[in-house]
Amino acid sequence: EKLLPQIEKWLSSDHCYTVRFGILCLMRYFLDERFDLSLAEKAARTDTSEYYVRMAVAWYFATALYKQYDAILPFISENRLDVKVHNKAIQKAIESNRISLEQKTALKLLKRKE
C-alpha cells in the first residue's frame, strides 16, 4: 500500500513508459487481495493516446477480467474504455486459458466497431 502514492505519480507522468509502468504495477500488486475498484477506475481514466500505454491498460483489464470478472465486466459492458483498449482487452481475455468458455462467448458479443 505504500506503493500507491508513487503509482499515482507514475500514472500522471508525461512519459508513456512511466505511465505504462504504473499500470503494470496496478496489475501486479492490486488485482488480488488488495483489489480496489477505484484503482480500476484510475486505470480506465488513463490517457491511452500512446500505443504502449494503451496496450498496458488493455492487458490490465484482460488480467482483471480473469481475477475479478464480476467487478470488472461493467467496464466492458458499459463501454467505459477507449474502443481500442476495449477490443484489445477482450481479445487478450479471449486468448487466455484462465477465462471460461462461457465468459469468452459473452465477451465476444461485447466487441465494438472502431
PDB file of N, CA and C in Angstrom:
ATOM      1  N   GLU A   1       0.818  -1.209   0.000  1.00  0.00           N
ATOM      2  CA  GLU A   1       0.000   0.000   0.000  1.00  0.00           C
ATOM      3  C   GLU A   1       0.851   1.257   0.000  1.00  0.00           C
ATOM      4  N   LYS A   2       2.083   1.143   0.451  1.00  0.00           N
ATOM      5  CA  LYS A   2       2.987   2.293   0.397  1.00  0.00           C
ATOM      6  C   LYS A   2       3.309   2.661  -1.049  1.00  0.00           C
ATOM      7  N   LEU A   3       3.086   1.733  -1.948  1.00  0.00           N
ATOM      8  CA  LEU A   3       3.368   1.944  -3.361  1.00  0.00           C
ATOM      9  C   LEU A   3       2.315   2.822  -4.050  1.00  0.00           C
ATOM     10  N   LEU A   4       1.107   2.858  -3.515  1.00  0.00           N
ATOM     11  CA  LEU A   4       0.013   3.572  -4.184  1.00  0.00           C
ATOM     12  C   LEU A   4       0.297   5.048  -4.473  1.00  0.00           C
ATOM     13  N   PRO A   5       0.833   5.824  -3.538  1.00  0.00           N
ATOM     14  CA  PRO A   5       1.115   7.226  -3.877  1.00  0.00           C
ATOM     15  C   PRO A   5       2.103   7.355  -5.043  1.00  0.00           C
ATOM     16  N   GLN A   6       3.071   6.470  -5.105  1.00  0.00           N
ATOM     17  CA  GLN A   6       4.031   6.509  -6.204  1.00  0.00           C
ATOM     18  C   GLN A   6       3.368   6.108  -7.518  1.00  0.00           C
ATOM     19  N   ILE A   7       2.506   5.117  -7.474  1.00  0.00           N
ATOM     20  CA  ILE A   7       1.780   4.698  -8.684  1.00  0.00           C
ATOM     21  C   ILE A   7       0.956   5.862  -9.217  1.00  0.00           C
ATOM     22  N   GLU A   8       0.315   6.598  -8.325  1.00  0.00           N
ATOM     23  CA  GLU A   8      -0.486   7.749  -8.765  1.00  0.00           C
ATOM     24  C   GLU A   8       0.382   8.787  -9.458  1.00  0.00           C
ATOM     25  N   LYS A   9       1.588   9.002  -8.966  1.00  0.00           N
ATOM     26  CA  LYS A   9       2.520   9.923  -9.630  1.00  0.00           C
ATOM     27  C   LYS A   9       2.890   9.391 -11.008  1.00  0.00           C
ATOM     28  N   TRP A  10       3.167   8.095 -11.082  1.00  0.00           N
ATOM     29  CA  TRP A  10       3.537   7.490 -12.360  1.00  0.00           C
ATOM     30  C   TRP A  10       2.404   7.621 -13.374  1.00  0.00           C
ATOM     31  N   LEU A  11       1.176   7.409 -12.923  1.00  0.00           N
ATOM     32  CA  LEU A  11       0.035   7.473 -13.835  1.00  0.00           C
ATOM     33  C   LEU A  11      -0.196   8.880 -14.381  1.00  0.00           C
ATOM     34  N   SER A  12       0.261   9.885 -13.668  1.00  0.00           N
ATOM     35  CA  SER A  12       0.072  11.256 -14.143  1.00  0.00           C
ATOM     36  C   SER A  12       1.311  11.812 -14.853  1.00  0.00           C
ATOM     37  N   SER A  13       2.277  10.959 -15.101  1.00  0.00           N
ATOM     38  CA  SER A  13       3.510  11.385 -15.765  1.00  0.00           C
ATOM     39  C   SER A  13       3.266  11.744 -17.229  1.00  0.00           C
ATOM     40  N   ASP A  14       4.156  12.552 -17.777  1.00  0.00           N
ATOM     41  CA  ASP A  14       4.115  12.884 -19.203  1.00  0.00           C
ATOM     42  C   ASP A  14       4.866  11.860 -20.045  1.00  0.00           C
ATOM     43  N   HIS A  15       5.524  10.922 -19.409  1.00  0.00           N
ATOM     44  CA  HIS A  15       6.333   9.925 -20.111  1.00  0.00           C
ATOM     45  C   HIS A  15       5.556   8.611 -20.229  1.00  0.00           C
ATOM     46  N   CYS A  16       5.366   8.154 -21.450  1.00  0.00           N
ATOM     47  CA  CYS A  16       4.496   6.988 -21.676  1.00  0.00           C
ATOM     48  C   CYS A  16       4.993   5.732 -20.948  1.00  0.00           C
ATOM     49  N   TYR A  17       6.290   5.520 -20.894  1.00  0.00           N
ATOM     50  CA  TYR A  17       6.780   4.303 -20.250  1.00  0.00           C
ATOM     51  C   TYR A  17       6.630   4.367 -18.727  1.00  0.00           C
ATOM     52  N   THR A  18       6.633   5.569 -18.179  1.00  0.00           N
ATOM     53  CA  THR A  18       6.393   5.730 -16.744  1.00  0.00           C
ATOM     54  C   THR A  18       4.931   5.407 -16.439  1.00  0.00           C
ATOM     55  N   VAL A  19       4.028   5.907 -17.273  1.00  0.00           N
ATOM     56  CA  VAL A  19       2.601   5.614 -17.111  1.00  0.00           C
ATOM     57  C   VAL A  19       2.372   4.114 -17.272  1.00  0.00           C
ATOM     58  N   ARG A  20       2.987   3.528 -18.275  1.00  0.00           N
ATOM     59  CA  ARG A  20       2.859   2.087 -18.513  1.00  0.00           C
ATOM     60  C   ARG A  20       3.324   1.301 -17.284  1.00  0.00           C
ATOM     61  N   PHE A  21       4.445   1.709 -16.708  1.00  0.00           N
ATOM     62  CA  PHE A  21       4.952   1.044 -15.519  1.00  0.00           C
ATOM     63  C   PHE A  21       3.949   1.141 -14.368  1.00  0.00           C
ATOM     64  N   GLY A  22       3.318   2.292 -14.211  1.00  0.00           N
ATOM     65  CA  GLY A  22       2.302   2.456 -13.173  1.00  0.00           C
ATOM     66  C   GLY A  22       1.135   1.507 -13.369  1.00  0.00           C
ATOM     67  N   ILE A  23       0.675   1.376 -14.603  1.00  0.00           N
ATOM     68  CA  ILE A  23      -0.425   0.442 -14.903  1.00  0.00           C
ATOM     69  C   ILE A  23      -0.007  -0.989 -14.597  1.00  0.00           C
ATOM     70  N   LEU A  24       1.205  -1.349 -14.993  1.00  0.00           N
ATOM     71  CA  LEU A  24       1.678  -2.717 -14.750  1.00  0.00           C
ATOM     72  C   LEU A  24       1.836  -2.988 -13.253  1.00  0.00           C
ATOM     73  N   CYS A  25       2.183  -1.976 -12.477  1.00  0.00           N
ATOM     74  CA  CYS A  25       2.237  -2.144 -11.014  1.00  0.00           C
ATOM     75  C   CYS A  25       0.836  -2.374 -10.453  1.00  0.00           C
ATOM     76  N   LEU A  26      -0.145  -1.635 -10.963  1.00  0.00           N
ATOM     77  CA  LEU A  26      -1.527  -1.882 -10.540  1.00  0.00           C
ATOM     78  C   LEU A  26      -1.930  -3.320 -10.846  1.00  0.00           C
ATOM     79  N   MET A  27      -1.551  -3.781 -12.024  1.00  0.00           N
ATOM     80  CA  MET A  27      -1.895  -5.143 -12.436  1.00  0.00           C
ATOM     81  C   MET A  27      -1.217  -6.178 -11.537  1.00  0.00           C
ATOM     82  N   ARG A  28       0.035  -5.964 -11.233  1.00  0.00           N
ATOM     83  CA  ARG A  28       0.816  -6.938 -10.460  1.00  0.00           C
ATOM     84  C   ARG A  28       0.423  -6.981  -8.991  1.00  0.00           C
ATOM     85  N   TYR A  29       0.183  -5.824  -8.398  1.00  0.00           N
ATOM     86  CA  TYR A  29       0.023  -5.766  -6.946  1.00  0.00           C
ATOM     87  C   TYR A  29      -1.396  -5.502  -6.450  1.00  0.00           C
ATOM     88  N   PHE A  30      -2.321  -5.122  -7.342  1.00  0.00           N
ATOM     89  CA  PHE A  30      -3.625  -4.699  -6.851  1.00  0.00           C
ATOM     90  C   PHE A  30      -4.808  -5.351  -7.571  1.00  0.00           C
ATOM     91  N   LEU A  31      -4.646  -6.577  -8.026  1.00  0.00           N
ATOM     92  CA  LEU A  31      -5.777  -7.299  -8.617  1.00  0.00           C
ATOM     93  C   LEU A  31      -6.192  -8.516  -7.796  1.00  0.00           C
ATOM     94  N   ASP A  32      -5.467  -8.817  -6.758  1.00  0.00           N
ATOM     95  CA  ASP A  32      -5.805  -9.981  -5.940  1.00  0.00           C
ATOM     96  C   ASP A  32      -6.420  -9.524  -4.622  1.00  0.00           C
ATOM     97  N   GLU A  33      -5.786  -9.835  -3.498  1.00  0.00           N
ATOM     98  CA  GLU A  33      -6.366  -9.495  -2.199  1.00  0.00           C
ATOM     99  C   GLU A  33      -6.410  -7.989  -1.939  1.00  0.00           C
ATOM    100  N   ARG A  34      -5.612  -7.211  -2.631  1.00  0.00           N
ATOM    101  CA  ARG A  34      -5.621  -5.752  -2.474  1.00  0.00           C
ATOM    102  C   ARG A  34      -6.485  -5.064  -3.540  1.00  0.00           C
ATOM    103  N   PHE A  35      -7.323  -5.833  -4.218  1.00  0.00           N
ATOM    104  CA  PHE A  35      -8.148  -5.265  -5.285  1.00  0.00           C
ATOM    105  C   PHE A  35      -9.048  -4.167  -4.732  1.00  0.00           C
ATOM    106  N   ASP A  36      -9.101  -3.082  -5.474  1.00  0.00           N
ATOM    107  CA  ASP A  36      -9.948  -1.941  -5.126  1.00  0.00           C
ATOM    108  C   ASP A  36     -10.496  -1.393  -6.445  1.00  0.00           C
ATOM    109  N   LEU A  37     -11.781  -1.318  -6.546  1.00  0.00           N
ATOM    110  CA  LEU A  37     -12.422  -0.869  -7.783  1.00  0.00           C
ATOM    111  C   LEU A  37     -11.989   0.547  -8.170  1.00  0.00           C
ATOM    112  N   SER A  38     -11.661   1.372  -7.196  1.00  0.00           N
ATOM    113  CA  SER A  38     -11.228   2.734  -7.514  1.00  0.00           C
ATOM    114  C   SER A  38      -9.912   2.729  -8.301  1.00  0.00           C
ATOM    115  N   LEU A  39      -9.086   1.716  -8.104  1.00  0.00           N
ATOM    116  CA  LEU A  39      -7.841   1.615  -8.865  1.00  0.00           C
ATOM    117  C   LEU A  39      -8.126   1.216 -10.312  1.00  0.00           C
ATOM    118  N   ALA A  40      -9.130   0.381 -10.520  1.00  0.00           N
ATOM    119  CA  ALA A  40      -9.543   0.045 -11.885  1.00  0.00           C
ATOM    120  C   ALA A  40     -10.087   1.297 -12.579  1.00  0.00           C
ATOM    121  N   GLU A  41     -10.795   2.140 -11.819  1.00  0.00           N
ATOM    122  CA  GLU A  41     -11.292   3.410 -12.370  1.00  0.00           C
ATOM    123  C   GLU A  41     -10.122   4.275 -12.826  1.00  0.00           C
ATOM    124  N   LYS A  42      -9.051   4.318 -12.033  1.00  0.00           N
ATOM    125  CA  LYS A  42      -7.872   5.099 -12.411  1.00  0.00           C
ATOM    126  C   LYS A  42      -7.239   4.545 -13.679  1.00  0.00           C
ATOM    127  N   ALA A  43      -7.169   3.236 -13.772  1.00  0.00           N
ATOM    128  CA  ALA A  43      -6.613   2.615 -14.978  1.00  0.00           C
ATOM    129  C   ALA A  43      -7.482   2.963 -16.191  1.00  0.00           C
ATOM    130  N   ALA A  44      -8.793   2.947 -16.011  1.00  0.00           N
ATOM    131  CA  ALA A  44      -9.712   3.251 -17.115  1.00  0.00           C
ATOM    132  C   ALA A  44      -9.601   4.706 -17.562  1.00  0.00           C
ATOM    133  N   ARG A  45      -9.270   5.601 -16.645  1.00  0.00           N
ATOM    134  CA  ARG A  45      -9.174   7.026 -16.974  1.00  0.00           C
ATOM    135  C   ARG A  45      -7.792   7.425 -17.498  1.00  0.00           C
ATOM    136  N   THR A  46      -6.879   6.489 -17.568  1.00  0.00           N
ATOM    137  CA  THR A  46      -5.534   6.790 -18.045  1.00  0.00           C
ATOM    138  C   THR A  46      -5.572   7.192 -19.511  1.00  0.00           C
ATOM    139  N   ASP A  47      -4.798   8.197 -19.854  1.00  0.00           N
ATOM    140  CA  ASP A  47      -4.695   8.653 -21.252  1.00  0.00           C
ATOM    141  C   ASP A  47      -4.053   7.536 -22.073  1.00  0.00           C
ATOM    142  N   THR A  48      -4.786   7.031 -23.033  1.00  0.00           N
ATOM    143  CA  THR A  48      -4.305   5.907 -23.848  1.00  0.00           C
ATOM    144  C   THR A  48      -3.951   6.336 -25.265  1.00  0.00           C
ATOM    145  N   SER A  49      -3.554   7.572 -25.425  1.00  0.00           N
ATOM    146  CA  SER A  49      -3.176   8.023 -26.770  1.00  0.00           C
ATOM    147  C   SER A  49      -1.857   7.405 -27.223  1.00  0.00           C
ATOM    148  N   GLU A  50      -1.014   6.990 -26.286  1.00  0.00           N
ATOM    149  CA  GLU A  50       0.257   6.325 -26.610  1.00  0.00           C
ATOM    150  C   GLU A  50       0.019   4.818 -26.741  1.00  0.00           C
ATOM    151  N   TYR A  51       0.539   4.227 -27.776  1.00  0.00           N
ATOM    152  CA  TYR A  51       0.340   2.801 -28.051  1.00  0.00           C
ATOM    153  C   TYR A  51       0.719   1.922 -26.860  1.00  0.00           C
ATOM    154  N   TYR A  52       1.889   2.132 -26.269  1.00  0.00           N
ATOM    155  CA  TYR A  52       2.358   1.251 -25.202  1.00  0.00           C
ATOM    156  C   TYR A  52       1.548   1.406 -23.919  1.00  0.00           C
ATOM    157  N   VAL A  53       1.002   2.569 -23.707  1.00  0.00           N
ATOM    158  CA  VAL A  53       0.099   2.758 -22.564  1.00  0.00           C
ATOM    159  C   VAL A  53      -1.218   2.050 -22.854  1.00  0.00           C
ATOM    160  N   ARG A  54      -1.717   2.214 -24.073  1.00  0.00           N
ATOM    161  CA  ARG A  54      -2.972   1.557 -24.468  1.00  0.00           C
ATOM    162  C   ARG A  54      -2.869   0.049 -24.289  1.00  0.00           C
ATOM    163  N   MET A  55      -1.751  -0.529 -24.707  1.00  0.00           N
ATOM    164  CA  MET A  55      -1.571  -1.978 -24.572  1.00  0.00           C
ATOM    165  C   MET A  55      -1.493  -2.400 -23.101  1.00  0.00           C
ATOM    166  N   ALA A  56      -0.860  -1.588 -22.270  1.00  0.00           N
ATOM    167  CA  ALA A  56      -0.769  -1.907 -20.839  1.00  0.00           C
ATOM    168  C   ALA A  56      -2.148  -1.863 -20.184  1.00  0.00           C
ATOM    169  N   VAL A  57      -2.938  -0.861 -20.529  1.00  0.00           N
ATOM    170  CA  VAL A  57      -4.289  -0.759 -19.961  1.00  0.00           C
ATOM    171  C   VAL A  57      -5.140  -1.944 -20.425  1.00  0.00           C
ATOM    172  N   ALA A  58      -5.022  -2.316 -21.688  1.00  0.00           N
ATOM    173  CA  ALA A  58      -5.759  -3.488 -22.189  1.00  0.00           C
ATOM    174  C   ALA A  58      -5.327  -4.746 -21.451  1.00  0.00           C
ATOM    175  N   TRP A  59      -4.040  -4.896 -21.239  1.00  0.00           N
ATOM    176  CA  TRP A  59      -3.506  -6.051 -20.516  1.00  0.00           C
ATOM    177  C   TRP A  59      -4.020  -6.046 -19.078  1.00  0.00           C
ATOM    178  N   TYR A  60      -4.039  -4.871 -18.460  1.00  0.00           N
ATOM    179  CA  TYR A  60      -4.571  -4.747 -17.102  1.00  0.00           C
ATOM    180  C   TYR A  60      -6.013  -5.262 -17.056  1.00  0.00           C
ATOM    181  N   PHE A  61      -6.861  -4.789 -17.980  1.00  0.00           N
ATOM    182  CA  PHE A  61      -8.265  -5.189 -17.939  1.00  0.00           C
ATOM    183  C   PHE A  61      -8.479  -6.646 -18.328  1.00  0.00           C
ATOM    184  N   ALA A  62      -7.668  -7.174 -19.224  1.00  0.00           N
ATOM    185  CA  ALA A  62      -7.771  -8.601 -19.549  1.00  0.00           C
ATOM    186  C   ALA A  62      -7.415  -9.440 -18.327  1.00  0.00           C
ATOM    187  N   THR A  63      -6.374  -9.051 -17.625  1.00  0.00           N
ATOM    188  CA  THR A  63      -5.974  -9.765 -16.405  1.00  0.00           C
ATOM    189  C   THR A  63      -7.029  -9.584 -15.326  1.00  0.00           C
ATOM    190  N   ALA A  64      -7.539  -8.377 -15.196  1.00  0.00           N
ATOM    191  CA  ALA A  64      -8.576  -8.111 -14.200  1.00  0.00           C
ATOM    192  C   ALA A  64      -9.838  -8.925 -14.479  1.00  0.00           C
ATOM    193  N   LEU A  65     -10.138  -9.180 -15.751  1.00  0.00           N
ATOM    194  CA  LEU A  65     -11.312  -9.982 -16.079  1.00  0.00           C
ATOM    195  C   LEU A  65     -11.201 -11.399 -15.529  1.00  0.00           C
ATOM    196  N   TYR A  66     -10.023 -11.994 -15.556  1.00  0.00           N
ATOM    197  CA  TYR A  66      -9.961 -13.345 -15.018  1.00  0.00           C
ATOM    198  C   TYR A  66      -9.780 -13.361 -13.504  1.00  0.00           C
ATOM    199  N   LYS A  67      -9.313 -12.267 -12.933  1.00  0.00           N
ATOM    200  CA  LYS A  67      -9.130 -12.242 -11.473  1.00  0.00           C
ATOM    201  C   LYS A  67     -10.343 -11.670 -10.740  1.00  0.00           C
ATOM    202  N   GLN A  68     -11.038 -10.725 -11.370  1.00  0.00           N
ATOM    203  CA  GLN A  68     -12.162 -10.025 -10.728  1.00  0.00           C
ATOM    204  C   GLN A  68     -13.292  -9.826 -11.746  1.00  0.00           C
ATOM    205  N   TYR A  69     -13.690 -10.900 -12.383  1.00  0.00           N
ATOM    206  CA  TYR A  69     -14.607 -10.827 -13.528  1.00  0.00           C
ATOM    207  C   TYR A  69     -15.855  -9.986 -13.248  1.00  0.00           C
ATOM    208  N   ASP A  70     -16.582 -10.289 -12.190  1.00  0.00           N
ATOM    209  CA  ASP A  70     -17.845  -9.603 -11.938  1.00  0.00           C
ATOM    210  C   ASP A  70     -17.662  -8.108 -11.675  1.00  0.00           C
ATOM    211  N   ALA A  71     -16.586  -7.752 -11.016  1.00  0.00           N
ATOM    212  CA  ALA A  71     -16.338  -6.339 -10.716  1.00  0.00           C
ATOM    213  C   ALA A  71     -15.875  -5.568 -11.944  1.00  0.00           C
ATOM    214  N   ILE A  72     -15.152  -6.230 -12.837  1.00  0.00           N
ATOM    215  CA  ILE A  72     -14.550  -5.564 -13.996  1.00  0.00           C
ATOM    216  C   ILE A  72     -15.459  -5.582 -15.222  1.00  0.00           C
ATOM    217  N   LEU A  73     -16.336  -6.552 -15.330  1.00  0.00           N
ATOM    218  CA  LEU A  73     -17.202  -6.666 -16.510  1.00  0.00           C
ATOM    219  C   LEU A  73     -17.935  -5.367 -16.863  1.00  0.00           C
ATOM    220  N   PRO A  74     -18.429  -4.591 -15.886  1.00  0.00           N
ATOM    221  CA  PRO A  74     -19.107  -3.339 -16.264  1.00  0.00           C
ATOM    222  C   PRO A  74     -18.235  -2.364 -17.064  1.00  0.00           C
ATOM    223  N   PHE A  75     -16.936  -2.391 -16.867  1.00  0.00           N
ATOM    224  CA  PHE A  75     -16.067  -1.529 -17.672  1.00  0.00           C
ATOM    225  C   PHE A  75     -16.189  -1.889 -19.160  1.00  0.00           C
ATOM    226  N   ILE A  76     -16.409  -3.168 -19.417  1.00  0.00           N
ATOM    227  CA  ILE A  76     -16.558  -3.650 -20.789  1.00  0.00           C
ATOM    228  C   ILE A  76     -18.006  -3.486 -21.260  1.00  0.00           C
ATOM    229  N   SER A  77     -18.939  -3.988 -20.482  1.00  0.00           N
ATOM    230  CA  SER A  77     -20.348  -3.984 -20.913  1.00  0.00           C
ATOM    231  C   SER A  77     -20.934  -2.578 -21.004  1.00  0.00           C
ATOM    232  N   GLU A  78     -20.388  -1.625 -20.249  1.00  0.00           N
ATOM    233  CA  GLU A  78     -20.880  -0.247 -20.277  1.00  0.00           C
ATOM    234  C   GLU A  78     -20.008   0.662 -21.146  1.00  0.00           C
ATOM    235  N   ASN A  79     -19.086   0.060 -21.906  1.00  0.00           N
ATOM    236  CA  ASN A  79     -18.225   0.812 -22.835  1.00  0.00           C
ATOM    237  C   ASN A  79     -17.480   1.963 -22.150  1.00  0.00           C
ATOM    238  N   ARG A  80     -16.872   1.671 -20.998  1.00  0.00           N
ATOM    239  CA  ARG A  80     -16.187   2.703 -20.226  1.00  0.00           C
ATOM    240  C   ARG A  80     -14.713   2.861 -20.608  1.00  0.00           C
ATOM    241  N   LEU A  81     -14.273   2.090 -21.578  1.00  0.00           N
ATOM    242  CA  LEU A  81     -12.883   2.162 -22.035  1.00  0.00           C
ATOM    243  C   LEU A  81     -12.835   2.702 -23.455  1.00  0.00           C
ATOM    244  N   ASP A  82     -11.702   3.287 -23.809  1.00  0.00           N
ATOM    245  CA  ASP A  82     -11.442   3.662 -25.192  1.00  0.00           C
ATOM    246  C   ASP A  82     -11.703   2.436 -26.069  1.00  0.00           C
ATOM    247  N   VAL A  83     -12.267   2.625 -27.246  1.00  0.00           N
ATOM    248  CA  VAL A  83     -12.666   1.500 -28.091  1.00  0.00           C
ATOM    249  C   VAL A  83     -11.490   0.565 -28.407  1.00  0.00           C
ATOM    250  N   LYS A  84     -10.316   1.115 -28.661  1.00  0.00           N
ATOM    251  CA  LYS A  84      -9.165   0.258 -28.965  1.00  0.00           C
ATOM    252  C   LYS A  84      -8.739  -0.544 -27.742  1.00  0.00           C
ATOM    253  N   VAL A  85      -8.738   0.078 -26.583  1.00  0.00           N
ATOM    254  CA  VAL A  85      -8.402  -0.620 -25.336  1.00  0.00           C
ATOM    255  C   VAL A  85      -9.457  -1.681 -25.043  1.00  0.00           C
ATOM    256  N   HIS A  86     -10.697  -1.312 -25.214  1.00  0.00           N
ATOM    257  CA  HIS A  86     -11.833  -2.208 -25.002  1.00  0.00           C
ATOM    258  C   HIS A  86     -11.666  -3.499 -25.821  1.00  0.00           C
ATOM    259  N   ASN A  87     -11.473  -3.347 -27.121  1.00  0.00           N
ATOM    260  CA  ASN A  87     -11.363  -4.508 -28.004  1.00  0.00           C
ATOM    261  C   ASN A  87     -10.105  -5.320 -27.743  1.00  0.00           C
ATOM    262  N   LYS A  88      -8.989  -4.650 -27.432  1.00  0.00           N
ATOM    263  CA  LYS A  88      -7.750  -5.374 -27.156  1.00  0.00           C
ATOM    264  C   LYS A  88      -7.871  -6.140 -25.845  1.00  0.00           C
ATOM    265  N   ALA A  89      -8.524  -5.563 -24.846  1.00  0.00           N
ATOM    266  CA  ALA A  89      -8.730  -6.265 -23.573  1.00  0.00           C
ATOM    267  C   ALA A  89      -9.568  -7.523 -23.795  1.00  0.00           C
ATOM    268  N   ILE A  90     -10.611  -7.404 -24.601  1.00  0.00           N
ATOM    269  CA  ILE A  90     -11.443  -8.570 -24.918  1.00  0.00           C
ATOM    270  C   ILE A  90     -10.617  -9.609 -25.660  1.00  0.00           C
ATOM    271  N   GLN A  91      -9.855  -9.183 -26.641  1.00  0.00           N
ATOM    272  CA  GLN A  91      -9.022 -10.120 -27.407  1.00  0.00           C
ATOM    273  C   GLN A  91      -8.059 -10.865 -26.487  1.00  0.00           C
ATOM    274  N   LYS A  92      -7.376 -10.122 -25.608  1.00  0.00           N
ATOM    275  CA  LYS A  92      -6.408 -10.746 -24.707  1.00  0.00           C
ATOM    276  C   LYS A  92      -7.111 -11.701 -23.734  1.00  0.00           C
ATOM    277  N   ALA A  93      -8.291 -11.314 -23.251  1.00  0.00           N
ATOM    278  CA  ALA A  93      -9.032 -12.175 -22.328  1.00  0.00           C
ATOM    279  C   ALA A  93      -9.482 -13.456 -23.029  1.00  0.00           C
ATOM    280  N   ILE A  94      -9.954 -13.329 -24.259  1.00  0.00           N
ATOM    281  CA  ILE A  94     -10.422 -14.492 -25.022  1.00  0.00           C
ATOM    282  C   ILE A  94      -9.270 -15.457 -25.308  1.00  0.00           C
ATOM    283  N   GLU A  95      -8.082 -14.917 -25.527  1.00  0.00           N
ATOM    284  CA  GLU A  95      -6.910 -15.752 -25.806  1.00  0.00           C
ATOM    285  C   GLU A  95      -6.379 -16.439 -24.544  1.00  0.00           C
ATOM    286  N   SER A  96      -6.832 -16.007 -23.387  1.00  0.00           N
ATOM    287  CA  SER A  96      -6.347 -16.550 -22.121  1.00  0.00           C
ATOM    288  C   SER A  96      -6.975 -17.912 -21.814  1.00  0.00           C
ATOM    289  N   ASN A  97      -6.204 -18.761 -21.201  1.00  0.00           N
ATOM    290  CA  ASN A  97      -6.729 -20.049 -20.738  1.00  0.00           C
ATOM    291  C   ASN A  97      -7.422 -19.913 -19.388  1.00  0.00           C
ATOM    292  N   ARG A  98      -7.367 -18.736 -18.802  1.00  0.00           N
ATOM    293  CA  ARG A  98      -7.921 -18.514 -17.463  1.00  0.00           C
ATOM    294  C   ARG A  98      -9.369 -18.054 -17.492  1.00  0.00           C
ATOM    295  N   ILE A  99      -9.870 -17.725 -18.665  1.00  0.00           N
ATOM    296  CA  ILE A  99     -11.259 -17.282 -18.836  1.00  0.00           C
ATOM    297  C   ILE A  99     -12.078 -18.487 -19.295  1.00  0.00           C
ATOM    298  N   SER A 100     -13.238 -18.661 -18.673  1.00  0.00           N
ATOM    299  CA  SER A 100     -14.077 -19.807 -19.033  1.00  0.00           C
ATOM    300  C   SER A 100     -14.662 -19.636 -20.438  1.00  0.00           C
ATOM    301  N   LEU A 101     -15.059 -20.731 -21.028  1.00  0.00           N
ATOM    302  CA  LEU A 101     -15.667 -20.705 -22.365  1.00  0.00           C
ATOM    303  C   LEU A 101     -16.927 -19.845 -22.354  1.00  0.00           C
ATOM    304  N   GLU A 102     -17.704 -19.943 -21.297  1.00  0.00           N
ATOM    305  CA  GLU A 102     -18.924 -19.136 -21.170  1.00  0.00           C
ATOM    306  C   GLU A 102     -18.578 -17.633 -21.136  1.00  0.00           C
ATOM    307  N   GLN A 103     -17.551 -17.286 -20.386  1.00  0.00           N
ATOM    308  CA  GLN A 103     -17.128 -15.886 -20.316  1.00  0.00           C
ATOM    309  C   GLN A 103     -16.595 -15.411 -21.665  1.00  0.00           C
ATOM    310  N   LYS A 104     -15.836 -16.253 -22.344  1.00  0.00           N
ATOM    311  CA  LYS A 104     -15.302 -15.895 -23.664  1.00  0.00           C
ATOM    312  C   LYS A 104     -16.432 -15.612 -24.641  1.00  0.00           C
ATOM    313  N   THR A 105     -17.450 -16.449 -24.618  1.00  0.00           N
ATOM    314  CA  THR A 105     -18.596 -16.269 -25.505  1.00  0.00           C
ATOM    315  C   THR A 105     -19.289 -14.939 -25.226  1.00  0.00           C
ATOM    316  N   ALA A 106     -19.481 -14.629 -23.956  1.00  0.00           N
ATOM    317  CA  ALA A 106     -20.128 -13.368 -23.573  1.00  0.00           C
ATOM    318  C   ALA A 106     -19.264 -12.168 -23.985  1.00  0.00           C
ATOM    319  N   LEU A 107     -17.955 -12.274 -23.783  1.00  0.00           N
ATOM    320  CA  LEU A 107     -17.059 -11.173 -24.130  1.00  0.00           C
ATOM    321  C   LEU A 107     -17.026 -10.914 -25.634  1.00  0.00           C
ATOM    322  N   LYS A 108     -17.072 -11.968 -26.426  1.00  0.00           N
ATOM    323  CA  LYS A 108     -17.061 -11.809 -27.887  1.00  0.00           C
ATOM    324  C   LYS A 108     -18.226 -10.950 -28.352  1.00  0.00           C
ATOM    325  N   LEU A 109     -19.347 -11.064 -27.674  1.00  0.00           N
ATOM    326  CA  LEU A 109     -20.540 -10.291 -28.047  1.00  0.00           C
ATOM    327  C   LEU A 109     -20.401  -8.806 -27.702  1.00  0.00           C
ATOM    328  N   LEU A 110     -19.421  -8.473 -26.884  1.00  0.00           N
ATOM    329  CA  LEU A 110     -19.234  -7.103 -26.436  1.00  0.00           C
ATOM    330  C   LEU A 110     -18.197  -6.305 -27.234  1.00  0.00           C
ATOM    331  N   LYS A 111     -17.612  -6.943 -28.252  1.00  0.00           N
ATOM    332  CA  LYS A 111     -16.647  -6.223 -29.095  1.00  0.00           C
ATOM    333  C   LYS A 111     -17.339  -5.045 -29.771  1.00  0.00           C
ATOM    334  N   ARG A 112     -16.586  -3.974 -29.959  1.00  0.00           N
ATOM    335  CA  ARG A 112     -17.137  -2.759 -30.562  1.00  0.00           C
ATOM    336  C   ARG A 112     -16.477  -2.487 -31.916  1.00  0.00           C
ATOM    337  N   LYS A 113     -17.184  -1.769 -32.750  1.00  0.00           N
ATOM    338  CA  LYS A 113     -16.612  -1.348 -34.037  1.00  0.00           C
ATOM    339  C   LYS A 113     -15.738  -0.132 -33.785  1.00  0.00           C
ATOM    340  N   GLU A 114     -14.578  -0.109 -34.462  1.00  0.00           N
ATOM    341  CA  GLU A 114     -13.628   1.006 -34.291  1.00  0.00           C
ATOM    342  C   GLU A 114     -13.901   2.105 -35.279  1.00  0.00           C
TER     343      GLU A 114
END
